[in-house]
Protein backbone atom coordinates (compact mmCIF):
# COMPACT_ATOMS: atom_id res chain seq x y z
CA UNK A 1 -6.53 -63.76 -8.27
CA UNK A 2 -6.23 -62.66 -4.64
CA UNK A 3 -8.13 -59.96 -2.79
CA UNK A 4 -5.06 -57.72 -2.89
CA UNK A 5 -4.94 -57.89 -6.69
CA UNK A 6 -8.62 -57.48 -7.60
CA UNK A 7 -8.58 -55.07 -10.56
CA UNK A 8 -10.86 -52.17 -11.35
CA UNK A 9 -9.46 -51.70 -14.88
CA UNK A 10 -8.91 -54.28 -17.62
CA UNK A 11 -6.64 -54.29 -20.65
CA UNK A 12 -8.02 -56.95 -23.00
CA UNK A 13 -5.31 -58.33 -25.28
CA UNK A 14 -2.67 -56.12 -23.69
CA UNK A 15 0.09 -58.69 -23.22
CA UNK A 16 1.47 -57.96 -26.69
CA UNK A 17 3.87 -55.04 -26.59
CA UNK A 18 4.80 -52.90 -23.62
CA UNK A 19 1.53 -51.46 -22.32
CA UNK A 20 1.79 -49.57 -19.02
CA UNK A 21 1.43 -51.79 -15.94
CA UNK A 22 -0.33 -49.38 -13.60
CA UNK A 23 -1.91 -50.11 -10.20
CA UNK A 24 -5.46 -51.39 -10.46
CA UNK A 25 -5.03 -52.80 -13.98
CA UNK A 26 -5.16 -56.43 -15.09
CA UNK A 27 -4.13 -57.68 -18.51
CA UNK A 28 -6.41 -60.37 -19.95
CA UNK A 29 -4.75 -62.23 -22.81
CA UNK A 30 -4.09 -65.64 -24.32
CA UNK A 31 -0.36 -65.11 -23.95
CA UNK A 32 1.81 -66.25 -21.08
CA UNK A 33 2.44 -63.56 -18.48
CA UNK A 34 -1.05 -62.07 -18.55
CA UNK A 35 -2.67 -61.41 -15.18
CA UNK A 36 -5.60 -63.48 -16.41
CA UNK A 37 -4.86 -65.94 -19.20
CA UNK A 38 -8.07 -66.40 -21.17
CA UNK A 39 -9.53 -66.42 -24.66
CA UNK A 40 -12.00 -63.55 -24.61
CA UNK A 41 -13.76 -64.99 -27.67
CA UNK A 42 -14.85 -68.09 -25.76
CA UNK A 43 -14.23 -67.56 -22.04
CA UNK A 44 -16.46 -65.67 -19.64
CA UNK A 45 -14.48 -62.87 -18.01
CA UNK A 46 -13.73 -63.95 -14.41
CA UNK A 47 -14.96 -60.71 -12.85
CA UNK A 48 -18.19 -59.87 -11.06
CA UNK A 49 -21.01 -58.02 -12.75
CA UNK A 50 -20.56 -54.25 -12.51
CA UNK A 51 -17.11 -54.46 -10.89
CA UNK A 52 -14.85 -52.75 -13.45
CA UNK A 53 -14.40 -49.01 -14.03
CA UNK A 54 -12.59 -49.08 -17.38
CA UNK A 55 -11.97 -51.61 -20.15
CA UNK A 56 -9.29 -50.81 -22.73
CA UNK A 57 -8.68 -52.97 -25.77
CA UNK A 58 -6.21 -52.08 -28.50
CA UNK A 59 -5.97 -53.98 -31.80
CA UNK A 60 -7.66 -57.06 -30.39
CA UNK A 61 -11.27 -57.10 -31.61
CA UNK A 62 -10.15 -57.64 -35.20
CA UNK A 63 -8.84 -61.02 -34.00
CA UNK A 64 -12.30 -62.03 -32.71
CA UNK A 65 -14.44 -63.99 -35.19
CA UNK A 66 -17.59 -62.14 -36.19
CA UNK A 67 -19.84 -64.80 -34.66
CA UNK A 68 -18.16 -64.28 -31.25
CA UNK A 69 -18.08 -60.49 -31.22
CA UNK A 70 -21.49 -60.06 -29.62
CA UNK A 71 -20.42 -62.40 -26.80
CA UNK A 72 -17.20 -60.44 -26.22
CA UNK A 73 -18.98 -57.06 -26.13
CA UNK A 74 -21.72 -58.40 -23.86
CA UNK A 75 -19.08 -59.67 -21.43
CA UNK A 76 -17.39 -56.27 -21.41
CA UNK A 77 -20.69 -54.57 -20.74
CA UNK A 78 -21.52 -57.09 -17.99
CA UNK A 79 -18.36 -56.44 -15.98
CA UNK A 80 -18.40 -52.66 -16.39
CA UNK A 81 -19.91 -50.54 -13.64
CA UNK A 82 -22.82 -48.29 -14.61
CA UNK A 83 -21.34 -45.48 -16.72
CA UNK A 84 -18.07 -47.46 -16.96
CA UNK A 85 -15.81 -46.61 -19.89
CA UNK A 86 -14.82 -48.79 -22.84
CA UNK A 87 -12.03 -47.54 -25.13
CA UNK A 88 -11.46 -49.53 -28.33
CA UNK A 89 -8.72 -49.26 -30.96
CA UNK A 90 -8.96 -51.32 -34.15
CA UNK A 91 -7.52 -50.98 -37.65
CA UNK A 92 -9.72 -48.53 -39.57
CA UNK A 93 -10.97 -50.25 -42.71
CA UNK A 94 -12.02 -46.88 -44.13
CA UNK A 95 -8.37 -45.79 -44.22
CA UNK A 96 -7.43 -48.99 -46.04
CA UNK A 97 -10.25 -48.51 -48.56
CA UNK A 98 -9.14 -44.93 -49.21
CA UNK A 99 -5.58 -46.13 -49.77
CA UNK A 100 -6.78 -48.85 -52.12
CA UNK A 101 -8.97 -46.45 -54.16
CA UNK A 102 -6.04 -44.02 -54.40
CA UNK A 103 -3.59 -46.81 -55.38
CA UNK A 104 -1.53 -45.90 -52.31
CA UNK A 105 0.43 -49.12 -51.89
CA UNK A 106 2.87 -47.21 -49.66
CA UNK A 107 0.17 -47.01 -46.99
CA UNK A 108 -0.06 -50.79 -46.76
CA UNK A 109 3.74 -51.10 -46.73
CA UNK A 110 4.03 -48.58 -43.89
CA UNK A 111 1.50 -49.91 -41.39
CA UNK A 112 2.43 -52.61 -38.90
CA UNK A 113 0.13 -55.48 -39.84
CA UNK A 114 0.43 -59.21 -40.46
CA UNK A 115 0.02 -59.71 -44.21
CA UNK A 116 -0.30 -63.19 -45.67
CA UNK A 117 2.31 -62.17 -48.25
CA UNK A 118 3.64 -58.57 -48.15
CA UNK A 119 4.84 -58.84 -51.77
CA UNK A 120 1.33 -59.23 -53.22
CA UNK A 121 -0.25 -56.38 -55.25
CA UNK A 122 -2.44 -53.83 -53.50
CA UNK A 123 -5.55 -55.99 -53.94
CA UNK A 124 -3.91 -58.73 -51.90
CA UNK A 125 -2.76 -56.28 -49.25
CA UNK A 126 -6.25 -54.90 -48.65
CA UNK A 127 -7.55 -58.44 -48.38
CA UNK A 128 -4.96 -59.22 -45.70
CA UNK A 129 -5.82 -55.96 -43.92
CA UNK A 130 -9.36 -57.31 -43.48
CA UNK A 131 -8.65 -61.03 -43.10
CA UNK A 132 -5.23 -62.64 -42.79
CA UNK A 133 -5.09 -65.74 -40.64
CA UNK A 134 -1.45 -66.68 -40.43
CA UNK A 135 0.42 -69.83 -39.42
CA UNK A 136 1.11 -68.29 -36.00
CA UNK A 137 -2.54 -67.37 -35.48
CA UNK A 138 -2.11 -63.62 -35.20
CA UNK A 139 -3.88 -62.49 -38.35
CA UNK A 140 -7.12 -60.57 -38.70
CA UNK A 141 -10.48 -62.36 -38.87
CA UNK A 142 -12.63 -59.24 -38.64
CA UNK A 143 -12.60 -55.61 -39.81
CA UNK A 144 -14.35 -52.40 -38.82
CA UNK A 145 -15.34 -48.96 -39.98
CA UNK A 146 -16.67 -46.31 -37.60
CA UNK A 147 -20.21 -47.11 -38.73
CA UNK A 148 -19.92 -50.87 -38.21
CA UNK A 149 -18.17 -50.69 -34.82
CA UNK A 150 -20.71 -48.13 -33.60
CA UNK A 151 -23.49 -50.49 -34.70
CA UNK A 152 -21.99 -53.41 -32.77
CA UNK A 153 -21.53 -51.32 -29.62
CA UNK A 154 -25.07 -49.97 -29.81
CA UNK A 155 -26.40 -53.49 -30.31
CA UNK A 156 -24.52 -54.62 -27.18
CA UNK A 157 -26.24 -51.89 -25.15
CA UNK A 158 -23.47 -49.30 -24.90
CA UNK A 159 -24.29 -45.60 -24.80
CA UNK A 160 -22.48 -42.32 -25.54
CA UNK A 161 -20.64 -44.00 -28.42
CA UNK A 162 -18.21 -41.46 -29.87
CA UNK A 163 -15.14 -41.41 -32.04
CA UNK A 164 -12.03 -40.40 -30.13
CA UNK A 165 -8.57 -39.26 -31.12
CA UNK A 166 -5.09 -40.58 -30.44
CA UNK A 167 -4.09 -39.96 -26.78
CA UNK A 168 -7.32 -37.97 -26.22
CA UNK A 169 -9.29 -40.31 -23.98
CA UNK A 170 -11.89 -38.89 -21.62
CA UNK A 171 -10.07 -40.92 -18.95
CA UNK A 172 -6.87 -39.22 -17.77
CA UNK A 173 -5.01 -42.47 -17.08
CA UNK A 174 -5.65 -43.71 -20.62
CA UNK A 175 -3.76 -40.67 -21.90
CA UNK A 176 -0.63 -42.20 -20.33
CA UNK A 177 1.99 -42.86 -23.06
CA UNK A 178 1.91 -46.45 -24.21
CA UNK A 179 -1.81 -47.18 -24.18
CA UNK A 180 -2.81 -45.80 -27.60
CA UNK A 181 -0.69 -47.10 -30.49
CA UNK A 182 -0.53 -47.00 -34.27
CA UNK A 183 -2.27 -43.67 -34.94
CA UNK A 184 -1.65 -44.10 -38.67
CA UNK A 185 -4.13 -46.98 -38.92
CA UNK A 186 -6.36 -46.84 -35.84
CA UNK A 187 -10.05 -46.23 -35.48
CA UNK A 188 -10.64 -45.17 -31.86
CA UNK A 189 -14.06 -45.31 -30.21
CA UNK A 190 -15.14 -44.69 -26.63
CA UNK A 191 -18.47 -45.82 -25.19
CA UNK A 192 -20.16 -46.07 -21.83
CA UNK A 193 -22.10 -48.78 -20.09
CA UNK A 194 -25.64 -47.60 -19.28
CA UNK A 195 -25.68 -45.31 -16.26
CA UNK A 196 -28.47 -47.40 -14.75
CA UNK A 197 -28.01 -51.09 -15.52
CA UNK A 198 -31.07 -52.64 -17.10
CA UNK A 199 -32.00 -55.83 -18.81
CA UNK A 200 -29.62 -57.32 -21.33
CA UNK A 201 -30.19 -55.92 -24.83
């Protein structure tokens, strides 16, 4: 990373798909081609404390093992500037539970997820929605509802934790087409780093 490419905004896990490549952004991902190739579940983010304005992560935290989630969120909080913004999209387990209780197998057939076996009955599909490690390593190992994700963010020291809507970020640049994806299955939360940085939670 050179001085001319120091980012102020991070897209964690953004190498998959065609996210916008806008000035000031760096993609952090395991995949080749990322601006910073790293495993956010194990690697410290290579950015200074309080140096980042915005962190965006879409359909990535469900791939982080539960015992590493606190580390990931603490790293995000560490690199964010005071009052810096975090926008998170994850599959909404509440939607999957509603579909299961209503025997809506069509919901599971319609969403873009990695199922262990798409031909299984609805009980197998909801299991894969929550946990579906695949041979290529891109399955889910975690799941969230609004309540549980809010709890994790609060525990990590974030403030102003609020549910958001598709393409309705408080940050104008994050309303650019291509950031938010999969409105049919996404839980979207925005939160802020403390306005005055204090001790770690």
